[in-house]
N, C-alpha and C. Protein backbone atom coordinates (compact mmCIF):
# COMPACT_ATOMS: atom_id res chain seq x y z
N MET A 1 -58.58 -40.70 66.45
CA MET A 1 -58.15 -39.11 65.94
C MET A 1 -59.37 -38.30 65.67
N ARG A 2 -60.25 -38.47 64.73
CA ARG A 2 -61.60 -38.41 64.56
C ARG A 2 -62.40 -38.34 65.52
N SER A 3 -62.65 -39.19 66.37
CA SER A 3 -63.41 -39.04 67.45
C SER A 3 -63.16 -37.65 68.34
N GLY A 4 -61.93 -37.37 68.62
CA GLY A 4 -61.69 -36.53 69.65
C GLY A 4 -61.79 -35.06 68.77
N LEU A 5 -61.63 -35.11 67.75
CA LEU A 5 -61.80 -33.42 67.34
C LEU A 5 -63.23 -33.49 67.16
N VAL A 6 -64.41 -34.41 66.57
CA VAL A 6 -65.66 -34.52 66.93
C VAL A 6 -66.01 -33.83 67.59
N ALA A 7 -65.66 -34.77 68.75
CA ALA A 7 -66.08 -34.36 70.42
C ALA A 7 -65.74 -32.70 70.73
N ALA A 8 -64.58 -32.74 70.44
CA ALA A 8 -64.02 -31.05 70.66
C ALA A 8 -65.01 -29.82 69.64
N LEU A 9 -65.04 -30.32 68.74
CA LEU A 9 -66.02 -29.44 68.08
C LEU A 9 -67.25 -29.35 68.50
N MET A 10 -68.16 -30.17 68.62
CA MET A 10 -69.52 -30.22 69.15
C MET A 10 -69.23 -29.76 70.50
N GLY A 11 -68.77 -30.34 71.28
CA GLY A 11 -68.57 -29.74 73.07
C GLY A 11 -68.26 -28.11 72.68
N VAL A 12 -67.26 -27.40 72.08
CA VAL A 12 -67.13 -26.02 72.13
C VAL A 12 -67.92 -25.36 71.17
N GLY A 13 -68.69 -26.30 70.29
CA GLY A 13 -69.74 -25.25 69.82
C GLY A 13 -70.85 -25.39 70.48
N GLY A 14 -71.00 -26.13 71.23
CA GLY A 14 -72.31 -26.34 72.35
C GLY A 14 -72.23 -25.11 73.36
N ILE A 15 -70.96 -25.23 73.75
CA ILE A 15 -71.09 -23.85 74.93
C ILE A 15 -70.95 -22.52 73.98
N PHE A 16 -70.63 -22.47 72.86
CA PHE A 16 -70.70 -21.51 72.40
C PHE A 16 -72.20 -20.69 72.08
N ALA A 17 -72.64 -21.76 71.52
CA ALA A 17 -74.22 -21.13 71.25
C ALA A 17 -74.84 -21.34 72.51
N ALA A 18 -74.92 -21.81 73.69
CA ALA A 18 -75.25 -21.63 74.77
C ALA A 18 -75.09 -20.16 75.12
N PHE A 19 -73.64 -19.63 75.29
CA PHE A 19 -73.18 -18.45 75.53
C PHE A 19 -74.06 -17.03 74.66
N GLY A 20 -74.02 -17.50 73.45
CA GLY A 20 -74.60 -16.82 72.38
C GLY A 20 -76.38 -16.72 72.90
N VAL A 21 -76.93 -17.70 73.26
CA VAL A 21 -78.46 -17.29 73.59
C VAL A 21 -78.28 -16.84 74.99
N THR A 22 -77.61 -16.66 75.63
CA THR A 22 -77.40 -16.38 76.91
C THR A 22 -77.46 -15.01 76.67
N VAL A 23 -76.29 -14.01 76.11
CA VAL A 23 -76.23 -13.22 75.91
C VAL A 23 -77.16 -12.39 75.09
N LEU A 24 -78.08 -12.96 74.11
CA LEU A 24 -79.16 -12.72 73.39
C LEU A 24 -80.47 -12.53 74.56
N ILE A 25 -80.51 -13.58 75.51
CA ILE A 25 -81.60 -13.17 76.29
C ILE A 25 -81.43 -12.14 77.10
N ILE A 26 -80.49 -12.07 77.97
CA ILE A 26 -79.79 -10.66 78.62
C ILE A 26 -80.22 -9.53 77.70
N THR A 27 -79.96 -9.45 76.59
CA THR A 27 -79.87 -8.41 75.90
C THR A 27 -81.50 -7.99 75.83
N ILE A 28 -82.12 -8.83 75.56
CA ILE A 28 -83.58 -8.66 75.16
C ILE A 28 -84.16 -8.06 76.49
N PHE A 29 -84.10 -8.45 77.50
CA PHE A 29 -84.65 -8.19 78.86
C PHE A 29 -83.78 -6.58 78.97
N SER A 30 -82.59 -6.50 78.64
CA SER A 30 -81.94 -5.26 79.12
C SER A 30 -82.60 -4.36 78.22
N ARG A 31 -83.14 -4.83 77.09
CA ARG A 31 -83.79 -3.53 76.36
C ARG A 31 -84.79 -2.63 76.97
N MET A 32 -85.71 -3.25 77.89
CA MET A 32 -86.40 -2.64 78.61
C MET A 32 -85.77 -1.44 79.10
N ASN A 33 -84.60 -1.40 79.47
CA ASN A 33 -84.02 0.01 80.60
C ASN A 33 -82.87 0.68 79.40
N HIS A 34 -83.32 0.58 77.98
CA HIS A 34 -82.73 1.51 76.84
C HIS A 34 -81.29 1.67 77.40
N TRP A 35 -80.37 0.40 77.30
CA TRP A 35 -79.13 0.37 77.35
C TRP A 35 -78.54 1.06 76.03
N LEU A 36 -77.33 1.62 76.19
CA LEU A 36 -76.73 2.25 74.82
C LEU A 36 -76.07 0.94 74.08
N GLN A 37 -75.81 -0.26 74.71
CA GLN A 37 -75.04 -0.99 73.99
C GLN A 37 -75.73 -2.47 73.53
N VAL A 38 -77.10 -1.84 73.10
CA VAL A 38 -77.91 -3.27 72.67
C VAL A 38 -77.47 -3.67 71.45
N PRO A 39 -77.17 -2.78 70.18
CA PRO A 39 -76.76 -3.62 68.91
C PRO A 39 -75.71 -4.28 69.13
N THR A 40 -74.60 -3.65 70.01
CA THR A 40 -73.31 -4.22 69.88
C THR A 40 -73.84 -5.82 70.80
N GLU A 41 -74.48 -5.75 71.79
CA GLU A 41 -74.69 -7.02 72.55
C GLU A 41 -75.31 -8.07 71.25
N MET A 42 -76.32 -7.64 70.59
CA MET A 42 -77.35 -8.47 69.83
C MET A 42 -76.28 -8.87 68.66
N SER A 43 -75.35 -8.11 68.43
CA SER A 43 -74.48 -8.54 66.96
C SER A 43 -73.53 -9.64 67.62
N VAL A 44 -72.77 -9.56 68.87
CA VAL A 44 -72.14 -10.51 69.50
C VAL A 44 -73.10 -11.54 70.13
N GLY A 45 -74.07 -11.60 70.60
CA GLY A 45 -74.51 -12.90 70.61
C GLY A 45 -75.03 -13.45 69.32
N THR A 46 -75.82 -12.98 68.36
CA THR A 46 -76.12 -13.70 66.89
C THR A 46 -74.75 -14.20 66.71
N LEU A 47 -73.60 -13.59 66.50
CA LEU A 47 -72.57 -14.04 65.80
C LEU A 47 -71.90 -15.09 66.69
N THR A 48 -71.67 -15.44 68.00
CA THR A 48 -71.85 -16.47 69.07
C THR A 48 -72.41 -17.56 68.61
N VAL A 49 -73.84 -17.39 68.60
CA VAL A 49 -74.76 -18.47 68.25
C VAL A 49 -74.55 -19.00 66.78
N VAL A 50 -73.95 -18.55 65.82
CA VAL A 50 -73.70 -18.89 64.28
C VAL A 50 -72.31 -19.53 64.30
N ILE A 51 -71.37 -19.01 65.09
CA ILE A 51 -70.16 -19.90 65.20
C ILE A 51 -70.61 -21.11 66.00
N GLY A 52 -71.05 -21.16 67.18
CA GLY A 52 -71.26 -22.35 67.79
C GLY A 52 -72.11 -23.10 66.80
N GLY A 53 -73.18 -22.98 66.38
CA GLY A 53 -73.93 -23.75 65.33
C GLY A 53 -72.96 -24.68 64.08
N ALA A 54 -72.03 -23.50 63.49
CA ALA A 54 -71.40 -23.99 62.50
C ALA A 54 -70.25 -25.42 63.06
N MET A 55 -70.05 -24.80 64.24
CA MET A 55 -68.85 -25.80 65.07
C MET A 55 -69.39 -27.13 65.15
N MET A 56 -70.86 -26.88 65.72
CA MET A 56 -71.49 -28.43 66.06
C MET A 56 -72.05 -29.00 64.66
N VAL A 57 -72.48 -28.05 63.27
CA VAL A 57 -72.42 -28.95 62.39
C VAL A 57 -71.24 -29.53 61.70
N ALA A 58 -70.35 -28.93 61.98
CA ALA A 58 -68.95 -29.55 61.45
C ALA A 58 -68.27 -30.44 61.98
N GLY A 59 -68.84 -30.52 63.12
CA GLY A 59 -68.42 -31.86 63.75
C GLY A 59 -69.42 -32.84 63.62
N TYR A 60 -70.76 -33.05 63.86
CA TYR A 60 -71.52 -33.60 63.40
C TYR A 60 -71.28 -34.45 61.85
N LEU A 61 -70.76 -33.58 60.87
CA LEU A 61 -70.72 -33.54 59.67
C LEU A 61 -69.06 -34.69 59.32
N LEU A 62 -68.53 -34.17 60.30
CA LEU A 62 -66.83 -34.97 60.32
C LEU A 62 -67.34 -36.38 60.72
N ASN A 63 -68.46 -36.47 61.90
CA ASN A 63 -68.80 -37.59 62.46
C ASN A 63 -69.30 -38.81 61.23
N ARG A 64 -69.81 -37.70 60.14
CA ARG A 64 -70.67 -38.84 59.86
C ARG A 64 -70.04 -39.48 58.56
N ILE A 65 -69.12 -38.36 58.00
CA ILE A 65 -68.29 -38.37 56.17
C ILE A 65 -67.35 -39.66 56.69
N GLY A 66 -67.12 -40.00 55.48
CA GLY A 66 -66.11 -41.13 55.38
C GLY A 66 -66.43 -42.47 56.60
N ARG A 67 -67.15 -42.43 57.13
CA ARG A 67 -67.63 -43.71 57.80
C ARG A 67 -68.00 -45.34 57.07
N ARG A 68 -67.48 -46.23 57.46
CA ARG A 68 -67.59 -47.38 56.74
C ARG A 68 -68.84 -47.86 57.60
N SER A 69 -69.68 -48.84 56.24
CA SER A 69 -70.61 -49.35 56.77
C SER A 69 -70.78 -50.20 57.64
N ASN A 70 -69.56 -51.24 57.89
CA ASN A 70 -69.44 -51.94 59.07
C ASN A 70 -68.99 -51.57 60.28
N ASP A 71 -68.45 -50.19 60.14
CA ASP A 71 -68.02 -49.65 61.70
C ASP A 71 -69.06 -49.27 62.52
N THR A 72 -69.55 -49.98 63.92
CA THR A 72 -70.19 -49.98 64.67
C THR A 72 -69.57 -49.03 65.47
N ALA A 73 -68.45 -49.48 65.94
CA ALA A 73 -68.20 -48.66 67.46
C ALA A 73 -68.19 -47.09 67.33
N ALA A 74 -68.19 -46.39 66.16
CA ALA A 74 -68.46 -45.28 65.94
C ALA A 74 -69.86 -44.66 66.02
N ILE A 75 -71.02 -45.52 66.03
CA ILE A 75 -72.44 -44.95 66.16
C ILE A 75 -72.65 -44.58 67.94
């Protein structure tokens, strides 16, 4: 059960982080055009990167915590 939850957390977290980085890159390039929504785009991109990173860290820690030393299948 834990490995499915870990995979889901890390997978969705990776998608969120990639989406957030994409939004930030688009925002940086659109800043040259003086769009009015730059602060909103920056906050959404930053929040998405932070949430994705937190989900990835939570998945990694959940995978590492509680593992027995003789459990080689989880590596």
